[in-house]
C-alpha atoms as a PDB file:
ATOM      1  CA  MET A   1      -0.161  -0.199  -0.173  1.00  0.00           C
ATOM      2  CA  LEU A   2       2.660   2.290   0.865  1.00  0.00           C
ATOM      3  CA  TRP A   3       4.514   1.872  -3.133  1.00  0.00           C
ATOM      4  CA  TYR A   4       1.339   2.502  -3.796  1.00  0.00           C
ATOM      5  CA  VAL A   5       0.801   5.861  -2.412  1.00  0.00           C
ATOM      6  CA  LEU A   6       4.680   6.918  -3.334  1.00  0.00           C
ATOM      7  CA  LEU A   7       3.553   5.932  -6.833  1.00  0.00           C
ATOM      8  CA  VAL A   8       0.841   8.358  -7.095  1.00  0.00           C
ATOM      9  CA  PHE A   9       2.760  10.853  -5.463  1.00  0.00           C
ATOM     10  CA  PHE A  10       5.469  11.000  -7.358  1.00  0.00           C
ATOM     11  CA  ALA A  11       3.067  10.467 -10.873  1.00  0.00           C
ATOM     12  CA  GLY A  12       1.306  13.494  -9.318  1.00  0.00           C
ATOM     13  CA  PHE A  13       5.109  15.054  -9.086  1.00  0.00           C
ATOM     14  CA  LEU A  14       6.323  14.460 -12.295  1.00  0.00           C
ATOM     15  CA  ILE A  15       3.040  15.469 -14.172  1.00  0.00           C
ATOM     16  CA  GLY A  16       2.484  19.265 -12.342  1.00  0.00           C
ATOM     17  CA  LYS A  17       6.453  18.905 -13.516  1.00  0.00           C
ATOM     18  CA  PHE A  18       5.383  19.124 -17.209  1.00  0.00           C
ATOM     19  CA  ILE A  19       2.379  20.131 -17.309  1.00  0.00           C
ATOM     20  CA  SER A  20       0.515  23.620 -16.483  1.00  0.00           C
ATOM     21  CA  THR A  21      -1.258  23.965 -13.264  1.00  0.00           C
ATOM     22  CA  GLN A  22      -2.962  27.180 -13.685  1.00  0.00           C
ATOM     23  CA  TRP A  23      -6.296  25.436 -13.942  1.00  0.00           C
ATOM     24  CA  ILE A  24      -6.308  23.728 -10.101  1.00  0.00           C
ATOM     25  CA  GLY A  25      -6.084  26.707  -8.910  1.00  0.00           C
ATOM     26  CA  LYS A  26      -9.412  28.233 -11.205  1.00  0.00           C
ATOM     27  CA  TYR A  27     -11.428  25.094 -10.060  1.00  0.00           C
ATOM     28  CA  LYS A  28     -10.624  25.120  -6.192  1.00  0.00           C
ATOM     29  CA  LEU A  29      -9.490  20.835  -7.200  1.00  0.00           C
ATOM     30  CA  VAL A  30      -7.407  20.583  -4.968  1.00  0.00           C
ATOM     31  CA  LEU A  31      -9.736  21.875  -1.763  1.00  0.00           C
ATOM     32  CA  VAL A  32     -12.410  19.492  -3.081  1.00  0.00           C
ATOM     33  CA  LEU A  33     -10.398  16.563  -3.175  1.00  0.00           C
ATOM     34  CA  THR A  34      -8.370  17.116   0.125  1.00  0.00           C
ATOM     35  CA  VAL A  35     -11.890  17.739   1.573  1.00  0.00           C
ATOM     36  CA  PHE A  36     -13.375  14.338   0.217  1.00  0.00           C
ATOM     37  CA  LEU A  37      -9.687  12.214   1.577  1.00  0.00           C
ATOM     38  CA  LEU A  38     -10.877  14.346   4.719  1.00  0.00           C
ATOM     39  CA  PHE A  39     -13.983  13.006   5.094  1.00  0.00           C
ATOM     40  CA  THR A  40     -13.482   9.231   3.575  1.00  0.00           C
ATOM     41  CA  LEU A  41     -10.654   9.021   6.422  1.00  0.00           C
ATOM     42  CA  GLY A  42     -13.223   9.774   8.779  1.00  0.00           C
ATOM     43  CA  LEU A  43     -15.989   6.932   7.362  1.00  0.00           C
ATOM     44  CA  GLU A  44     -12.793   4.801   7.570  1.00  0.00           C
ATOM     45  CA  ILE A  45     -12.577   5.776  11.747  1.00  0.00           C
ATOM     46  CA  GLY A  46     -15.930   5.527  12.395  1.00  0.00           C
ATOM     47  CA  ALA A  47     -16.641   2.094  10.721  1.00  0.00           C
ATOM     48  CA  ASN A  48     -13.473   0.770  12.738  1.00  0.00           C
ATOM     49  CA  ASP A  49     -14.811  -0.390  16.002  1.00  0.00           C
ATOM     50  CA  GLU A  50     -11.799  -0.989  17.352  1.00  0.00           C
ATOM     51  CA  LEU A  51     -10.136   2.158  16.453  1.00  0.00           C
ATOM     52  CA  PHE A  52     -12.714   3.983  17.402  1.00  0.00           C
ATOM     53  CA  ARG A  53     -12.486   2.153  21.293  1.00  0.00           C
ATOM     54  CA  LYS A  54      -8.577   3.810  20.760  1.00  0.00           C
ATOM     55  CA  ILE A  55      -9.731   6.926  19.704  1.00  0.00           C
ATOM     56  CA  ASP A  56      -8.798   8.755  23.443  1.00  0.00           C
ATOM     57  CA  THR A  57      -5.330   6.529  23.565  1.00  0.00           C
ATOM     58  CA  ILE A  58      -4.703   8.117  19.712  1.00  0.00           C
ATOM     59  CA  VAL A  59      -5.087  11.402  20.357  1.00  0.00           C
ATOM     60  CA  LEU A  60      -3.179  11.546  23.448  1.00  0.00           C
ATOM     61  CA  TYR A  61      -0.676  10.152  21.605  1.00  0.00           C
ATOM     62  CA  GLY A  62      -1.052  12.505  18.462  1.00  0.00           C
ATOM     63  CA  PHE A  63      -0.702  15.184  21.159  1.00  0.00           C
ATOM     64  CA  LEU A  64       2.399  14.553  23.145  1.00  0.00           C
ATOM     65  CA  ILE A  65       4.608  13.664  19.334  1.00  0.00           C
ATOM     66  CA  ALA A  66       3.386  17.533  18.399  1.00  0.00           C
ATOM     67  CA  LEU A  67       4.043  18.873  21.854  1.00  0.00           C
ATOM     68  CA  PHE A  68       7.410  17.894  22.005  1.00  0.00           C
ATOM     69  CA  GLY A  69       8.381  18.519  18.548  1.00  0.00           C
ATOM     70  CA  SER A  70       7.256  21.587  19.040  1.00  0.00           C
ATOM     71  CA  ILE A  71       9.463  21.881  21.812  1.00  0.00           C
ATOM     72  CA  GLY A  72      12.069  20.122  20.252  1.00  0.00           C
ATOM     73  CA  SER A  73      12.378  22.639  17.407  1.00  0.00           C
ATOM     74  CA  PHE A  74      12.227  25.282  19.544  1.00  0.00           C
ATOM     75  CA  ILE A  75      15.396  24.520  21.457  1.00  0.00           C
ATOM     76  CA  PHE A  76      17.143  23.084  18.545  1.00  0.00           C
ATOM     77  CA  GLY A  77      16.813  26.723  16.583  1.00  0.00           C
ATOM     78  CA  TYR A  78      17.294  28.784  20.034  1.00  0.00           C
ATOM     79  CA  VAL A  79      20.466  26.716  20.218  1.00  0.00           C
ATOM     80  CA  THR A  80      21.208  26.630  16.072  1.00  0.00           C
ATOM     81  CA  GLU A  81      20.715  30.890  16.761  1.00  0.00           C
ATOM     82  CA  LYS A  82      22.582  31.857  19.756  1.00  0.00           C
ATOM     83  CA  VAL A  83      26.034  29.324  18.227  1.00  0.00           C
ATOM     84  CA  PHE A  84      25.786  31.140  15.098  1.00  0.00           C
ATOM     85  CA  SER A  85      25.058  34.390  16.392  1.00  0.00           C
ATOM     86  CA  LYS A  86      28.485  33.936  18.588  1.00  0.00           C
ATOM     87  CA  ASN A  87      30.375  33.068  15.487  1.00  0.00           C
ATOM     88  CA  GLN A  88      29.102  36.508  13.545  1.00  0.00           C
ATOM     89  CA  LYS A  89      30.076  38.264  16.556  1.00  0.00           C
ATOM     90  CA  THR A  90      33.556  36.443  16.849  1.00  0.00           C
ATOM     91  CA  ARG A  91      33.903  36.929  13.533  1.00  0.00           C
ATOM     92  CA  GLY A  92      32.969  40.705  13.506  1.00  0.00           C
ATOM     93  CA  ASP A  93      35.199  40.836  15.822  1.00  0.00           C
ATOM     94  CA  LYS A  94      38.880  39.715  13.397  1.00  0.00           C
ATOM     95  CA  GLN A  95      38.054  41.512  10.904  1.00  0.00           C
END
């Protein structure tokens, strides 16, 4: 299934690379297809009783992943900014 998704993704990528895609914005096709995708995903979750029983655990894990991913990104960005700004000040003093 993963290979199918990747194949479709790269097919869309190649088609978009070589064919004019201005008509997509005109007809809001991407928005309509995204809404349809979310609707069908909701149908699948609603129809799957086992998944529906575990939805609270899934929501908790999703929240924790998003929270710690954001915190980690913030810390990494902060440390990177401090390291590079220190290097910029040091280089400026030497010149």
